[in-house]
Amino acid sequence: MIHPFHPRALRSGQFPLAPQIRRPLVPPSRDPHDKPRRDHFITSYRSLKSARQIRCESFLEHKVASMLEAYDLVTGFSEQPPRLKLRIGKTTSRYTPDFVAVTCLGKPWLIEVKPSDEAKTPKWQRKARAARQAAARRDHLFAMVTEQHVAQVDKAALNAELQARHAAYVCNLGTDEVSKRSSNPKLQMNLYKVFQSAFSEAFAAELEEKFPGGSLL
C-alpha cells in the first residue's frame, strides 16, 4: 500500500485532506501592521485552514500564504513565529522568519520570503545559513522562498482550488462536509515540487558550506 504522503499517492489523489479549519498556532511574535515599513506592501490573507487573518508585509508573502493554504500536507500556518537566535561569527542577533507551517511530514517549517536578487546577496546567504542552524536546534526546517518558486505554481489551478474551498466552506458551514471535498492532485504535486525545491536548495547550500567544491564525493 502506498504511503498517503508519497509522491505517487499525491499524483493519484490517494491522500487524506488536511482539515480546512484549524485552531490558530502560537500567536505571532509581532504584528507587521502595527509599525509598517514605508517600503512594504501591507495586506492580510484570510485563511480558513488557520482560522484567522494572516498578516503579510508584501504581495509575495500573500502569494506564499495562498500556497500554504492550498497545500494539503500543511495542516496550519501562521506569520511571524517566535524569534530565532542567530550566531554569525562572533555576533548574535534575533531574527523572525515570515511564516511557520505545521505539516503532516514531521518537523515544522520556517519560511523566509524574499525577492531572489536579495536572497542571493552575501548578507542574506550568511543570515540564511545561521537561520538554518538555529532552526535545526529547535528541530525545525528553514528555507527561503522567492518569486522564482512562486512562478512555478499553476496559478489558474491554485485560484480555482482556493475558490472551491471557500465555496465549500460557505455551503457547508457548521458541518463536517467542509473537510470531505476532493482536491486537485495535479496542483498538490505542483506544490509538492515547489516546496521540495525550496528546501532542497537550502540543504544543498548547507552541504556546500560543509563540503565546498563537492569534497564530500
N, C-alpha and C. Protein backbone atom coordinates (compact mmCIF):
# COMPACT_ATOMS: atom_id res chain seq x y z
N MET A 1 0.85 -1.21 0.00
CA MET A 1 0.00 0.00 0.00
C MET A 1 0.88 1.25 0.00
N ILE A 2 0.54 2.21 -0.84
CA ILE A 2 1.32 3.43 -0.93
C ILE A 2 1.10 4.28 0.31
N HIS A 3 2.21 4.79 0.85
CA HIS A 3 2.07 5.71 1.98
C HIS A 3 1.29 6.94 1.50
N PRO A 4 0.33 7.44 2.30
CA PRO A 4 -0.54 8.53 1.82
C PRO A 4 0.18 9.80 1.45
N PHE A 5 1.43 9.98 1.92
CA PHE A 5 2.14 11.22 1.59
C PHE A 5 3.29 10.97 0.63
N HIS A 6 3.34 9.80 0.02
CA HIS A 6 4.32 9.52 -1.01
C HIS A 6 3.93 10.27 -2.28
N PRO A 7 4.91 10.76 -3.06
CA PRO A 7 4.59 11.49 -4.29
C PRO A 7 3.65 10.75 -5.23
N ARG A 8 3.78 9.40 -5.31
CA ARG A 8 2.88 8.65 -6.18
C ARG A 8 1.44 8.73 -5.69
N ALA A 9 1.28 8.76 -4.38
CA ALA A 9 -0.06 8.90 -3.82
C ALA A 9 -0.62 10.28 -4.13
N LEU A 10 0.25 11.28 -4.10
CA LEU A 10 -0.20 12.63 -4.44
C LEU A 10 -0.66 12.71 -5.89
N ARG A 11 0.09 12.05 -6.78
CA ARG A 11 -0.28 12.08 -8.20
C ARG A 11 -1.63 11.42 -8.43
N SER A 12 -1.91 10.34 -7.70
CA SER A 12 -3.15 9.60 -7.91
C SER A 12 -4.31 10.18 -7.13
N GLY A 13 -4.02 11.12 -6.23
CA GLY A 13 -5.08 11.69 -5.42
C GLY A 13 -5.44 10.83 -4.22
N GLN A 14 -4.65 9.78 -3.92
CA GLN A 14 -4.94 8.88 -2.80
C GLN A 14 -4.31 9.40 -1.52
N PHE A 15 -4.75 10.54 -1.06
CA PHE A 15 -4.20 11.07 0.18
C PHE A 15 -5.31 11.80 0.93
N PRO A 16 -5.23 11.83 2.25
CA PRO A 16 -6.28 12.50 3.02
C PRO A 16 -6.14 14.00 2.97
N LEU A 17 -7.26 14.68 2.96
CA LEU A 17 -7.24 16.14 3.00
C LEU A 17 -6.89 16.62 4.39
N ALA A 18 -6.05 17.63 4.46
CA ALA A 18 -5.83 18.28 5.75
C ALA A 18 -7.12 18.99 6.14
N PRO A 19 -7.45 19.03 7.43
CA PRO A 19 -8.66 19.74 7.84
C PRO A 19 -8.65 21.18 7.35
N GLN A 20 -9.80 21.66 6.91
CA GLN A 20 -9.89 23.01 6.37
C GLN A 20 -9.91 24.08 7.46
N ILE A 21 -10.40 23.73 8.64
CA ILE A 21 -10.47 24.69 9.72
C ILE A 21 -9.59 24.21 10.85
N ARG A 22 -8.61 24.99 11.21
CA ARG A 22 -7.65 24.62 12.24
C ARG A 22 -7.65 25.67 13.35
N ARG A 23 -7.24 25.26 14.52
CA ARG A 23 -7.01 26.23 15.58
C ARG A 23 -5.75 27.03 15.24
N PRO A 24 -5.72 28.30 15.62
CA PRO A 24 -4.52 29.10 15.35
C PRO A 24 -3.29 28.51 16.03
N LEU A 25 -2.13 28.71 15.42
CA LEU A 25 -0.87 28.29 16.03
C LEU A 25 -0.49 29.30 17.09
N VAL A 26 0.75 29.24 17.54
CA VAL A 26 1.19 30.21 18.54
C VAL A 26 0.98 31.63 18.02
N PRO A 27 0.61 32.56 18.88
CA PRO A 27 0.38 33.94 18.41
C PRO A 27 1.64 34.51 17.77
N PRO A 28 1.50 35.35 16.74
CA PRO A 28 2.67 35.97 16.11
C PRO A 28 3.50 36.74 17.13
N SER A 29 4.82 36.72 16.94
CA SER A 29 5.71 37.42 17.86
C SER A 29 5.65 38.93 17.67
N ARG A 30 5.18 39.36 16.49
CA ARG A 30 5.00 40.79 16.22
C ARG A 30 3.91 40.95 15.18
N ASP A 31 3.27 42.11 15.18
CA ASP A 31 2.22 42.40 14.21
C ASP A 31 2.79 43.33 13.15
N PRO A 32 2.95 42.85 11.91
CA PRO A 32 3.53 43.70 10.86
C PRO A 32 2.72 44.96 10.60
N HIS A 33 1.45 44.96 10.99
CA HIS A 33 0.60 46.11 10.70
C HIS A 33 0.71 47.20 11.77
N ASP A 34 1.36 46.89 12.89
CA ASP A 34 1.49 47.89 13.96
C ASP A 34 2.40 49.04 13.54
N LYS A 35 3.58 48.68 13.06
CA LYS A 35 4.55 49.69 12.63
C LYS A 35 5.04 49.32 11.23
N PRO A 36 4.17 49.53 10.22
CA PRO A 36 4.55 49.15 8.85
C PRO A 36 5.72 49.96 8.33
N ARG A 37 6.58 49.29 7.57
CA ARG A 37 7.71 49.98 6.94
C ARG A 37 7.24 50.65 5.66
N ARG A 38 7.87 51.78 5.34
CA ARG A 38 7.42 52.56 4.20
C ARG A 38 7.53 51.79 2.89
N ASP A 39 8.53 50.92 2.77
CA ASP A 39 8.76 50.23 1.50
C ASP A 39 8.02 48.90 1.43
N HIS A 40 7.14 48.60 2.42
CA HIS A 40 6.42 47.33 2.43
C HIS A 40 4.96 47.52 2.06
N PHE A 41 4.44 46.52 1.34
CA PHE A 41 3.03 46.48 0.98
C PHE A 41 2.30 45.68 2.06
N ILE A 42 1.43 46.32 2.81
CA ILE A 42 0.77 45.68 3.94
C ILE A 42 -0.58 45.12 3.50
N THR A 43 -0.82 43.85 3.76
CA THR A 43 -2.08 43.21 3.41
C THR A 43 -2.34 42.05 4.37
N SER A 44 -3.49 41.43 4.24
CA SER A 44 -3.84 40.27 5.06
C SER A 44 -4.37 39.17 4.16
N TYR A 45 -4.13 37.93 4.59
CA TYR A 45 -4.66 36.78 3.85
C TYR A 45 -5.66 36.06 4.77
N ARG A 46 -6.88 35.90 4.31
CA ARG A 46 -7.90 35.24 5.11
C ARG A 46 -7.76 33.73 4.96
N SER A 47 -7.27 33.08 6.02
CA SER A 47 -7.00 31.65 5.97
C SER A 47 -8.10 30.86 6.67
N LEU A 48 -8.77 30.00 5.90
CA LEU A 48 -9.73 29.07 6.50
C LEU A 48 -8.99 27.98 7.27
N LYS A 49 -7.86 27.58 6.74
CA LYS A 49 -7.10 26.49 7.35
C LYS A 49 -6.60 26.88 8.74
N SER A 50 -6.15 28.10 8.89
CA SER A 50 -5.62 28.56 10.18
C SER A 50 -6.65 29.32 11.01
N ALA A 51 -7.83 29.53 10.44
CA ALA A 51 -8.95 30.16 11.15
C ALA A 51 -8.62 31.57 11.64
N ARG A 52 -7.89 32.34 10.81
CA ARG A 52 -7.56 33.70 11.20
C ARG A 52 -7.03 34.48 10.00
N GLN A 53 -6.88 35.78 10.20
CA GLN A 53 -6.25 36.62 9.18
C GLN A 53 -4.74 36.53 9.32
N ILE A 54 -4.06 36.20 8.25
CA ILE A 54 -2.61 36.12 8.25
C ILE A 54 -2.07 37.48 7.76
N ARG A 55 -1.32 38.16 8.61
CA ARG A 55 -0.79 39.48 8.26
C ARG A 55 0.46 39.33 7.39
N CYS A 56 0.46 39.99 6.26
CA CYS A 56 1.58 39.90 5.31
C CYS A 56 2.20 41.27 5.10
N GLU A 57 3.50 41.26 4.80
CA GLU A 57 4.24 42.50 4.59
C GLU A 57 4.60 42.75 3.13
N SER A 58 4.16 41.88 2.24
CA SER A 58 4.43 42.08 0.82
C SER A 58 3.44 41.24 0.02
N PHE A 59 3.30 41.60 -1.24
CA PHE A 59 2.42 40.83 -2.13
C PHE A 59 2.99 39.43 -2.32
N LEU A 60 4.32 39.30 -2.31
CA LEU A 60 4.95 37.99 -2.45
C LEU A 60 4.60 37.10 -1.26
N GLU A 61 4.60 37.66 -0.05
CA GLU A 61 4.19 36.89 1.14
C GLU A 61 2.74 36.45 1.00
N HIS A 62 1.90 37.32 0.46
CA HIS A 62 0.48 36.99 0.27
C HIS A 62 0.34 35.77 -0.65
N LYS A 63 1.16 35.73 -1.71
CA LYS A 63 1.11 34.59 -2.64
C LYS A 63 1.57 33.30 -1.95
N VAL A 64 2.63 33.40 -1.14
CA VAL A 64 3.12 32.20 -0.44
C VAL A 64 2.07 31.73 0.57
N ALA A 65 1.37 32.65 1.21
CA ALA A 65 0.30 32.28 2.14
C ALA A 65 -0.79 31.49 1.41
N SER A 66 -1.12 31.90 0.19
CA SER A 66 -2.14 31.17 -0.58
C SER A 66 -1.65 29.77 -0.95
N MET A 67 -0.35 29.62 -1.19
CA MET A 67 0.21 28.30 -1.48
C MET A 67 0.14 27.39 -0.26
N LEU A 68 0.47 27.93 0.91
CA LEU A 68 0.37 27.15 2.14
C LEU A 68 -1.07 26.77 2.43
N GLU A 69 -1.98 27.67 2.11
CA GLU A 69 -3.41 27.40 2.32
C GLU A 69 -3.88 26.23 1.45
N ALA A 70 -3.41 26.19 0.21
CA ALA A 70 -3.88 25.18 -0.73
C ALA A 70 -3.17 23.84 -0.60
N TYR A 71 -1.96 23.84 -0.02
CA TYR A 71 -1.17 22.61 0.05
C TYR A 71 -1.69 21.73 1.18
N ASP A 72 -2.16 20.54 0.82
CA ASP A 72 -2.84 19.69 1.79
C ASP A 72 -1.92 19.08 2.84
N LEU A 73 -0.63 19.03 2.59
CA LEU A 73 0.27 18.48 3.60
C LEU A 73 0.57 19.49 4.70
N VAL A 74 0.19 20.75 4.50
CA VAL A 74 0.31 21.78 5.53
C VAL A 74 -1.01 21.81 6.30
N THR A 75 -0.96 21.55 7.59
CA THR A 75 -2.19 21.49 8.38
C THR A 75 -2.51 22.81 9.08
N GLY A 76 -1.55 23.72 9.12
CA GLY A 76 -1.79 25.03 9.72
C GLY A 76 -0.55 25.88 9.55
N PHE A 77 -0.74 27.20 9.52
CA PHE A 77 0.42 28.09 9.39
C PHE A 77 0.08 29.43 10.01
N SER A 78 1.13 30.17 10.34
CA SER A 78 0.97 31.48 10.95
C SER A 78 2.16 32.34 10.55
N GLU A 79 2.00 33.64 10.70
CA GLU A 79 3.07 34.57 10.37
C GLU A 79 3.87 34.94 11.61
N GLN A 80 5.08 35.43 11.39
CA GLN A 80 5.93 35.98 12.45
C GLN A 80 6.06 35.03 13.65
N PRO A 81 6.64 33.84 13.46
CA PRO A 81 6.81 32.89 14.58
C PRO A 81 7.82 33.41 15.60
N PRO A 82 7.96 32.71 16.74
CA PRO A 82 8.94 33.14 17.75
C PRO A 82 10.33 33.33 17.14
N ARG A 83 11.04 34.32 17.63
CA ARG A 83 12.34 34.69 17.06
C ARG A 83 13.38 33.61 17.22
N LEU A 84 14.30 33.58 16.25
CA LEU A 84 15.46 32.69 16.31
C LEU A 84 16.66 33.49 16.79
N LYS A 85 17.53 32.84 17.51
CA LYS A 85 18.78 33.46 17.93
C LYS A 85 19.87 33.05 16.96
N LEU A 86 20.34 34.00 16.18
CA LEU A 86 21.33 33.72 15.15
C LEU A 86 22.74 33.98 15.67
N ARG A 87 23.66 33.10 15.25
CA ARG A 87 25.08 33.27 15.57
C ARG A 87 25.84 33.41 14.26
N ILE A 88 26.30 34.62 13.99
CA ILE A 88 27.06 34.90 12.77
C ILE A 88 28.43 35.40 13.19
N GLY A 89 29.42 34.54 13.02
CA GLY A 89 30.76 34.89 13.50
C GLY A 89 30.75 35.01 15.01
N LYS A 90 31.22 36.13 15.52
CA LYS A 90 31.27 36.35 16.96
C LYS A 90 30.06 37.12 17.48
N THR A 91 29.14 37.44 16.58
CA THR A 91 27.97 38.23 16.98
C THR A 91 26.72 37.36 17.04
N THR A 92 25.77 37.78 17.86
CA THR A 92 24.47 37.12 17.94
C THR A 92 23.39 38.17 17.69
N SER A 93 22.30 37.74 17.12
CA SER A 93 21.19 38.64 16.84
C SER A 93 19.88 37.86 16.86
N ARG A 94 18.79 38.58 16.91
CA ARG A 94 17.46 37.97 16.88
C ARG A 94 16.86 38.16 15.49
N TYR A 95 16.16 37.15 15.03
CA TYR A 95 15.60 37.18 13.68
C TYR A 95 14.25 36.47 13.67
N THR A 96 13.27 37.07 12.97
CA THR A 96 11.93 36.49 12.87
C THR A 96 11.63 36.10 11.43
N PRO A 97 11.46 34.81 11.14
CA PRO A 97 11.06 34.40 9.79
C PRO A 97 9.65 34.92 9.47
N ASP A 98 9.23 34.76 8.22
CA ASP A 98 7.92 35.25 7.81
C ASP A 98 6.79 34.31 8.19
N PHE A 99 7.03 32.99 8.07
CA PHE A 99 5.96 32.03 8.35
C PHE A 99 6.50 30.82 9.12
N VAL A 100 5.61 30.20 9.89
CA VAL A 100 5.84 28.86 10.42
C VAL A 100 4.67 28.02 9.94
N ALA A 101 4.97 26.81 9.48
CA ALA A 101 3.94 25.91 8.97
C ALA A 101 4.08 24.54 9.63
N VAL A 102 2.97 24.01 10.10
CA VAL A 102 2.93 22.65 10.65
C VAL A 102 2.47 21.73 9.53
N THR A 103 3.18 20.62 9.33
CA THR A 103 2.86 19.71 8.23
C THR A 103 2.59 18.30 8.73
N CYS A 104 2.10 17.48 7.83
CA CYS A 104 1.88 16.06 8.13
C CYS A 104 3.18 15.26 8.04
N LEU A 105 4.27 15.91 7.66
CA LEU A 105 5.51 15.20 7.38
C LEU A 105 6.47 15.13 8.56
N GLY A 106 6.19 15.87 9.64
CA GLY A 106 7.09 15.82 10.79
C GLY A 106 7.49 17.20 11.28
N LYS A 107 8.72 17.60 10.97
CA LYS A 107 9.25 18.85 11.51
C LYS A 107 8.51 20.07 10.94
N PRO A 108 8.22 21.07 11.78
CA PRO A 108 7.62 22.30 11.28
C PRO A 108 8.58 23.03 10.34
N TRP A 109 8.00 23.83 9.47
CA TRP A 109 8.77 24.62 8.52
C TRP A 109 8.85 26.07 8.99
N LEU A 110 10.01 26.67 8.85
CA LEU A 110 10.17 28.11 9.00
C LEU A 110 10.51 28.65 7.62
N ILE A 111 9.76 29.64 7.16
CA ILE A 111 9.90 30.12 5.79
C ILE A 111 10.17 31.62 5.78
N GLU A 112 11.22 31.99 5.07
CA GLU A 112 11.52 33.40 4.82
C GLU A 112 11.18 33.68 3.35
N VAL A 113 10.40 34.71 3.10
CA VAL A 113 10.01 35.08 1.75
C VAL A 113 10.84 36.28 1.33
N LYS A 114 11.60 36.13 0.25
CA LYS A 114 12.50 37.20 -0.20
C LYS A 114 12.57 37.23 -1.72
N PRO A 115 12.69 38.42 -2.30
CA PRO A 115 12.99 38.50 -3.74
C PRO A 115 14.32 37.81 -4.02
N SER A 116 14.44 37.15 -5.14
CA SER A 116 15.62 36.34 -5.43
C SER A 116 16.90 37.16 -5.45
N ASP A 117 16.84 38.41 -5.97
CA ASP A 117 18.07 39.20 -6.03
C ASP A 117 18.57 39.55 -4.63
N GLU A 118 17.66 39.72 -3.68
CA GLU A 118 18.06 39.99 -2.30
C GLU A 118 18.52 38.72 -1.60
N ALA A 119 17.84 37.59 -1.90
CA ALA A 119 18.18 36.32 -1.25
C ALA A 119 19.58 35.84 -1.63
N LYS A 120 20.08 36.28 -2.80
CA LYS A 120 21.39 35.82 -3.27
C LYS A 120 22.55 36.67 -2.76
N THR A 121 22.26 37.76 -2.08
CA THR A 121 23.33 38.62 -1.58
C THR A 121 24.12 37.91 -0.47
N PRO A 122 25.42 38.20 -0.34
CA PRO A 122 26.22 37.57 0.72
C PRO A 122 25.62 37.76 2.12
N LYS A 123 25.07 38.96 2.36
CA LYS A 123 24.47 39.23 3.67
C LYS A 123 23.36 38.24 3.99
N TRP A 124 22.44 38.03 3.03
CA TRP A 124 21.33 37.13 3.30
C TRP A 124 21.74 35.67 3.25
N GLN A 125 22.76 35.35 2.47
CA GLN A 125 23.26 33.98 2.47
C GLN A 125 23.82 33.61 3.84
N ARG A 126 24.56 34.55 4.45
CA ARG A 126 25.08 34.31 5.80
C ARG A 126 23.94 34.19 6.81
N LYS A 127 22.96 35.06 6.65
CA LYS A 127 21.82 35.05 7.57
C LYS A 127 21.00 33.77 7.42
N ALA A 128 20.80 33.33 6.19
CA ALA A 128 20.05 32.09 5.95
C ALA A 128 20.78 30.88 6.51
N ARG A 129 22.12 30.89 6.38
CA ARG A 129 22.92 29.79 6.94
C ARG A 129 22.76 29.73 8.45
N ALA A 130 22.83 30.88 9.10
CA ALA A 130 22.66 30.93 10.56
C ALA A 130 21.24 30.56 10.95
N ALA A 131 20.26 30.96 10.14
CA ALA A 131 18.86 30.64 10.44
C ALA A 131 18.60 29.14 10.32
N ARG A 132 19.23 28.48 9.33
CA ARG A 132 19.06 27.02 9.22
C ARG A 132 19.62 26.32 10.45
N GLN A 133 20.76 26.79 10.93
CA GLN A 133 21.36 26.18 12.12
C GLN A 133 20.50 26.43 13.36
N ALA A 134 19.96 27.65 13.48
CA ALA A 134 19.10 27.96 14.63
C ALA A 134 17.80 27.17 14.57
N ALA A 135 17.26 27.01 13.36
CA ALA A 135 16.03 26.23 13.19
C ALA A 135 16.27 24.77 13.55
N ALA A 136 17.43 24.24 13.16
CA ALA A 136 17.75 22.84 13.47
C ALA A 136 17.84 22.63 14.98
N ARG A 137 18.36 23.62 15.70
CA ARG A 137 18.42 23.50 17.16
C ARG A 137 17.02 23.44 17.77
N ARG A 138 16.06 24.00 17.06
CA ARG A 138 14.67 23.98 17.52
C ARG A 138 13.91 22.80 16.91
N ASP A 139 14.62 21.96 16.15
CA ASP A 139 14.03 20.82 15.45
C ASP A 139 13.02 21.27 14.39
N HIS A 140 13.35 22.37 13.69
CA HIS A 140 12.56 22.88 12.58
C HIS A 140 13.40 22.82 11.31
N LEU A 141 12.74 22.99 10.17
CA LEU A 141 13.41 23.14 8.88
C LEU A 141 13.25 24.58 8.41
N PHE A 142 14.28 25.11 7.78
CA PHE A 142 14.24 26.50 7.31
C PHE A 142 14.55 26.57 5.82
N ALA A 143 13.83 27.42 5.12
CA ALA A 143 14.12 27.65 3.71
C ALA A 143 13.64 29.03 3.31
N MET A 144 14.25 29.57 2.24
CA MET A 144 13.80 30.83 1.66
C MET A 144 12.99 30.52 0.40
N VAL A 145 11.86 31.18 0.28
CA VAL A 145 11.01 31.05 -0.91
C VAL A 145 11.04 32.38 -1.64
N THR A 146 11.32 32.35 -2.93
CA THR A 146 11.42 33.56 -3.74
C THR A 146 10.33 33.59 -4.81
N GLU A 147 10.31 34.68 -5.58
CA GLU A 147 9.32 34.78 -6.67
C GLU A 147 9.59 33.72 -7.74
N GLN A 148 10.81 33.20 -7.80
CA GLN A 148 11.11 32.14 -8.77
C GLN A 148 10.39 30.84 -8.41
N HIS A 149 10.26 30.57 -7.11
CA HIS A 149 9.48 29.41 -6.68
C HIS A 149 7.99 29.64 -6.95
N VAL A 150 7.52 30.83 -6.62
CA VAL A 150 6.10 31.15 -6.80
C VAL A 150 5.71 31.05 -8.27
N ALA A 151 6.62 31.44 -9.17
CA ALA A 151 6.33 31.41 -10.60
C ALA A 151 6.12 30.00 -11.13
N GLN A 152 6.57 28.99 -10.41
CA GLN A 152 6.42 27.60 -10.84
C GLN A 152 5.03 27.04 -10.54
N VAL A 153 4.22 27.78 -9.77
CA VAL A 153 2.90 27.29 -9.38
C VAL A 153 1.89 27.57 -10.49
N ASP A 154 1.02 26.60 -10.73
CA ASP A 154 -0.06 26.77 -11.69
C ASP A 154 -1.09 27.71 -11.06
N LYS A 155 -1.05 28.97 -11.43
CA LYS A 155 -1.88 29.99 -10.77
C LYS A 155 -3.36 29.77 -11.01
N ALA A 156 -3.73 29.32 -12.22
CA ALA A 156 -5.14 29.08 -12.51
C ALA A 156 -5.69 27.95 -11.63
N ALA A 157 -4.91 26.88 -11.50
CA ALA A 157 -5.34 25.75 -10.66
C ALA A 157 -5.37 26.15 -9.18
N LEU A 158 -4.40 26.96 -8.77
CA LEU A 158 -4.36 27.43 -7.38
C LEU A 158 -5.58 28.27 -7.06
N ASN A 159 -5.90 29.23 -7.91
CA ASN A 159 -7.06 30.10 -7.68
C ASN A 159 -8.36 29.31 -7.69
N ALA A 160 -8.47 28.34 -8.61
CA ALA A 160 -9.69 27.52 -8.68
C ALA A 160 -9.85 26.69 -7.42
N GLU A 161 -8.73 26.16 -6.90
CA GLU A 161 -8.78 25.34 -5.68
C GLU A 161 -9.21 26.18 -4.48
N LEU A 162 -8.64 27.36 -4.35
CA LEU A 162 -8.98 28.22 -3.21
C LEU A 162 -10.43 28.69 -3.29
N GLN A 163 -10.92 29.00 -4.49
CA GLN A 163 -12.31 29.39 -4.65
C GLN A 163 -13.25 28.25 -4.29
N ALA A 164 -12.88 27.02 -4.69
CA ALA A 164 -13.71 25.86 -4.38
C ALA A 164 -13.75 25.61 -2.88
N ARG A 165 -12.63 25.83 -2.20
CA ARG A 165 -12.58 25.62 -0.75
C ARG A 165 -13.46 26.64 -0.02
N HIS A 166 -13.40 27.89 -0.46
CA HIS A 166 -14.23 28.91 0.16
C HIS A 166 -15.72 28.64 -0.10
N ALA A 167 -16.03 28.20 -1.31
CA ALA A 167 -17.43 27.88 -1.64
C ALA A 167 -17.92 26.70 -0.79
N ALA A 168 -17.06 25.68 -0.62
CA ALA A 168 -17.43 24.53 0.19
C ALA A 168 -17.64 24.92 1.64
N TYR A 169 -16.81 25.84 2.11
CA TYR A 169 -16.94 26.31 3.49
C TYR A 169 -18.26 27.05 3.70
N VAL A 170 -18.61 27.93 2.75
CA VAL A 170 -19.85 28.70 2.87
C VAL A 170 -21.07 27.78 2.78
N CYS A 171 -21.04 26.83 1.84
CA CYS A 171 -22.19 25.95 1.62
C CYS A 171 -22.38 24.96 2.76
N ASN A 172 -21.29 24.59 3.44
CA ASN A 172 -21.36 23.55 4.46
C ASN A 172 -20.98 24.08 5.83
N LEU A 173 -21.22 25.36 6.06
CA LEU A 173 -20.86 25.98 7.33
C LEU A 173 -21.52 25.24 8.49
N GLY A 174 -20.70 24.88 9.47
CA GLY A 174 -21.22 24.20 10.65
C GLY A 174 -21.36 22.70 10.50
N THR A 175 -20.90 22.13 9.39
CA THR A 175 -20.98 20.69 9.18
C THR A 175 -19.58 20.12 8.99
N ASP A 176 -19.49 18.79 8.89
CA ASP A 176 -18.21 18.13 8.66
C ASP A 176 -17.89 17.98 7.18
N GLU A 177 -18.79 18.44 6.31
CA GLU A 177 -18.61 18.23 4.89
C GLU A 177 -17.48 19.08 4.31
N VAL A 178 -17.09 20.15 5.04
CA VAL A 178 -16.06 21.05 4.52
C VAL A 178 -14.77 20.31 4.25
N SER A 179 -14.38 19.40 5.14
CA SER A 179 -13.10 18.71 5.01
C SER A 179 -13.18 17.46 4.13
N LYS A 180 -14.37 17.17 3.56
CA LYS A 180 -14.53 15.95 2.78
C LYS A 180 -14.45 16.17 1.27
N ARG A 181 -14.37 17.42 0.84
CA ARG A 181 -14.34 17.68 -0.59
C ARG A 181 -13.03 17.19 -1.19
N SER A 182 -13.07 16.83 -2.45
CA SER A 182 -11.87 16.32 -3.12
C SER A 182 -10.94 17.49 -3.45
N SER A 183 -9.67 17.15 -3.68
CA SER A 183 -8.68 18.16 -4.02
C SER A 183 -8.09 17.84 -5.38
N ASN A 184 -7.37 18.82 -5.95
CA ASN A 184 -6.78 18.66 -7.27
C ASN A 184 -5.40 18.00 -7.13
N PRO A 185 -5.26 16.72 -7.50
CA PRO A 185 -3.97 16.05 -7.30
C PRO A 185 -2.82 16.65 -8.10
N LYS A 186 -3.11 17.21 -9.29
CA LYS A 186 -2.05 17.83 -10.09
C LYS A 186 -1.51 19.08 -9.39
N LEU A 187 -2.41 19.86 -8.80
CA LEU A 187 -1.97 21.04 -8.06
C LEU A 187 -1.17 20.63 -6.84
N GLN A 188 -1.60 19.57 -6.15
CA GLN A 188 -0.87 19.11 -4.97
C GLN A 188 0.54 18.66 -5.33
N MET A 189 0.68 17.98 -6.45
CA MET A 189 2.02 17.57 -6.90
C MET A 189 2.84 18.79 -7.29
N ASN A 190 2.21 19.76 -7.92
CA ASN A 190 2.89 21.01 -8.28
C ASN A 190 3.43 21.71 -7.04
N LEU A 191 2.60 21.85 -5.99
CA LEU A 191 3.04 22.50 -4.75
C LEU A 191 4.10 21.67 -4.05
N TYR A 192 3.96 20.36 -4.11
CA TYR A 192 4.96 19.47 -3.51
C TYR A 192 6.34 19.74 -4.12
N LYS A 193 6.40 19.85 -5.44
CA LYS A 193 7.68 20.06 -6.13
C LYS A 193 8.25 21.44 -5.82
N VAL A 194 7.38 22.45 -5.72
CA VAL A 194 7.85 23.81 -5.45
C VAL A 194 8.48 23.88 -4.06
N PHE A 195 7.78 23.38 -3.04
CA PHE A 195 8.33 23.44 -1.69
C PHE A 195 9.53 22.50 -1.54
N GLN A 196 9.48 21.35 -2.22
CA GLN A 196 10.64 20.45 -2.19
C GLN A 196 11.86 21.14 -2.77
N SER A 197 11.66 21.92 -3.83
CA SER A 197 12.76 22.65 -4.45
C SER A 197 13.36 23.66 -3.48
N ALA A 198 12.51 24.40 -2.76
CA ALA A 198 13.00 25.41 -1.82
C ALA A 198 13.82 24.78 -0.71
N PHE A 199 13.35 23.67 -0.16
CA PHE A 199 14.07 23.04 0.94
C PHE A 199 15.28 22.26 0.44
N SER A 200 15.22 21.75 -0.79
CA SER A 200 16.39 21.07 -1.36
C SER A 200 17.53 22.05 -1.60
N GLU A 201 17.17 23.27 -2.03
CA GLU A 201 18.20 24.30 -2.24
C GLU A 201 18.86 24.67 -0.92
N ALA A 202 18.06 24.73 0.15
CA ALA A 202 18.63 25.02 1.47
C ALA A 202 19.57 23.91 1.91
N PHE A 203 19.18 22.66 1.64
CA PHE A 203 20.03 21.52 2.00
C PHE A 203 21.31 21.52 1.17
N ALA A 204 21.18 21.85 -0.12
CA ALA A 204 22.36 21.89 -0.99
C ALA A 204 23.33 22.98 -0.53
N ALA A 205 22.78 24.12 -0.10
CA ALA A 205 23.64 25.21 0.39
C ALA A 205 24.37 24.79 1.65
N GLU A 206 23.70 24.02 2.49
CA GLU A 206 24.34 23.56 3.73
C GLU A 206 25.46 22.56 3.41
N LEU A 207 25.22 21.68 2.44
CA LEU A 207 26.26 20.72 2.04
C LEU A 207 27.47 21.44 1.45
N GLU A 208 27.20 22.46 0.64
CA GLU A 208 28.29 23.22 0.02
C GLU A 208 29.13 23.92 1.07
N GLU A 209 28.47 24.39 2.14
CA GLU A 209 29.20 25.05 3.23
C GLU A 209 30.12 24.05 3.93
N LYS A 210 29.62 22.84 4.17
CA LYS A 210 30.41 21.84 4.90
C LYS A 210 31.44 21.16 4.02
N PHE A 211 31.08 20.97 2.73
CA PHE A 211 31.96 20.26 1.81
C PHE A 211 32.13 21.08 0.53
N PRO A 212 32.86 22.18 0.58
CA PRO A 212 32.99 23.06 -0.58
C PRO A 212 33.59 22.35 -1.79
N GLY A 213 33.01 22.70 -2.95
CA GLY A 213 33.51 22.12 -4.20
C GLY A 213 33.25 20.65 -4.35
N GLY A 214 32.26 20.11 -3.62
CA GLY A 214 31.93 18.70 -3.75
C GLY A 214 32.94 17.77 -3.11
N SER A 215 33.67 18.24 -2.09
CA SER A 215 34.69 17.41 -1.46
C SER A 215 34.10 16.20 -0.71
N LEU A 216 32.76 16.16 -0.59
CA LEU A 216 32.11 15.01 0.04
C LEU A 216 32.27 13.78 -0.83
N LEU A 217 32.35 13.99 -2.17
CA LEU A 217 32.39 12.85 -3.10
C LEU A 217 33.78 12.21 -3.14
